[in-house]
Amino acid sequence: MEQYVSLMDTEGNRVSILEPAPMGKPTKAKPAPKKKTTAKKKKR
């Protein structure tokens, strides 16, 4: 979860800080499933 802070300085200007959430371990991509092919007999 990220953290966000917003405040006003002494002159009335808004100051905001956003800290992104830490990244977890990358997940390994699963290979795409192979398509099943059926052999068709040719007519002679």
C-alpha atoms as a PDB file:
ATOM      1  CA  MET A   1       0.000   0.000   0.000  1.00  0.00           C
ATOM      2  CA  GLU A   2       1.377   3.406  -0.883  1.00  0.00           C
ATOM      3  CA  GLN A   3       1.642   6.373   1.458  1.00  0.00           C
ATOM      4  CA  TYR A   4       0.372   9.865   0.606  1.00  0.00           C
ATOM      5  CA  VAL A   5       0.987  13.085   2.572  1.00  0.00           C
ATOM      6  CA  SER A   6      -0.376  16.525   1.755  1.00  0.00           C
ATOM      7  CA  LEU A   7       0.286  19.693   3.764  1.00  0.00           C
ATOM      8  CA  MET A   8       0.243  23.486   3.467  1.00  0.00           C
ATOM      9  CA  ASP A   9       3.407  25.533   3.919  1.00  0.00           C
ATOM     10  CA  THR A  10       3.549  28.885   5.726  1.00  0.00           C
ATOM     11  CA  GLU A  11       2.649  30.779   2.522  1.00  0.00           C
ATOM     12  CA  GLY A  12      -0.429  28.663   1.793  1.00  0.00           C
ATOM     13  CA  ASN A  13       1.147  26.475  -0.890  1.00  0.00           C
ATOM     14  CA  ARG A  14       0.117  22.842  -0.936  1.00  0.00           C
ATOM     15  CA  VAL A  15       2.946  20.288  -0.786  1.00  0.00           C
ATOM     16  CA  SER A  16       2.197  16.623  -1.516  1.00  0.00           C
ATOM     17  CA  ILE A  17       4.379  13.528  -1.369  1.00  0.00           C
ATOM     18  CA  LEU A  18       3.470  10.100  -2.703  1.00  0.00           C
ATOM     19  CA  GLU A  19       5.558   7.043  -1.832  1.00  0.00           C
ATOM     20  CA  PRO A  20       4.744   4.103  -4.115  1.00  0.00           C
ATOM     21  CA  ALA A  21       4.038   0.679  -2.686  1.00  0.00           C
ATOM     22  CA  PRO A  22       7.041  -1.672  -2.611  1.00  0.00           C
ATOM     23  CA  MET A  23       7.188  -4.075  -5.508  1.00  0.00           C
ATOM     24  CA  GLY A  24       6.846  -7.745  -4.708  1.00  0.00           C
ATOM     25  CA  LYS A  25       8.616 -10.614  -6.371  1.00  0.00           C
ATOM     26  CA  PRO A  26       7.841 -10.757 -10.075  1.00  0.00           C
ATOM     27  CA  THR A  27       5.694 -13.688 -11.015  1.00  0.00           C
ATOM     28  CA  LYS A  28       6.934 -16.016 -13.704  1.00  0.00           C
ATOM     29  CA  ALA A  29       4.883 -15.833 -16.855  1.00  0.00           C
ATOM     30  CA  LYS A  30       3.162 -19.067 -17.699  1.00  0.00           C
ATOM     31  CA  PRO A  31       3.689 -20.296 -21.240  1.00  0.00           C
ATOM     32  CA  ALA A  32       0.647 -20.090 -23.489  1.00  0.00           C
ATOM     33  CA  PRO A  33      -1.237 -23.371 -23.759  1.00  0.00           C
ATOM     34  CA  LYS A  34      -0.482 -25.295 -26.902  1.00  0.00           C
ATOM     35  CA  LYS A  35      -3.275 -25.470 -29.442  1.00  0.00           C
ATOM     36  CA  LYS A  36      -4.544 -28.905 -30.202  1.00  0.00           C
ATOM     37  CA  THR A  37      -4.426 -29.678 -33.873  1.00  0.00           C
ATOM     38  CA  THR A  38      -6.116 -32.554 -35.566  1.00  0.00           C
ATOM     39  CA  ALA A  39      -4.604 -34.176 -38.607  1.00  0.00           C
ATOM     40  CA  LYS A  40      -6.969 -34.011 -41.564  1.00  0.00           C
ATOM     41  CA  LYS A  41      -6.862 -36.700 -44.209  1.00  0.00           C
ATOM     42  CA  LYS A  42      -6.555 -35.454 -47.750  1.00  0.00           C
ATOM     43  CA  LYS A  43      -8.939 -36.809 -50.344  1.00  0.00           C
ATOM     44  CA  ARG A  44      -7.191 -38.334 -53.337  1.00  0.00           C
END
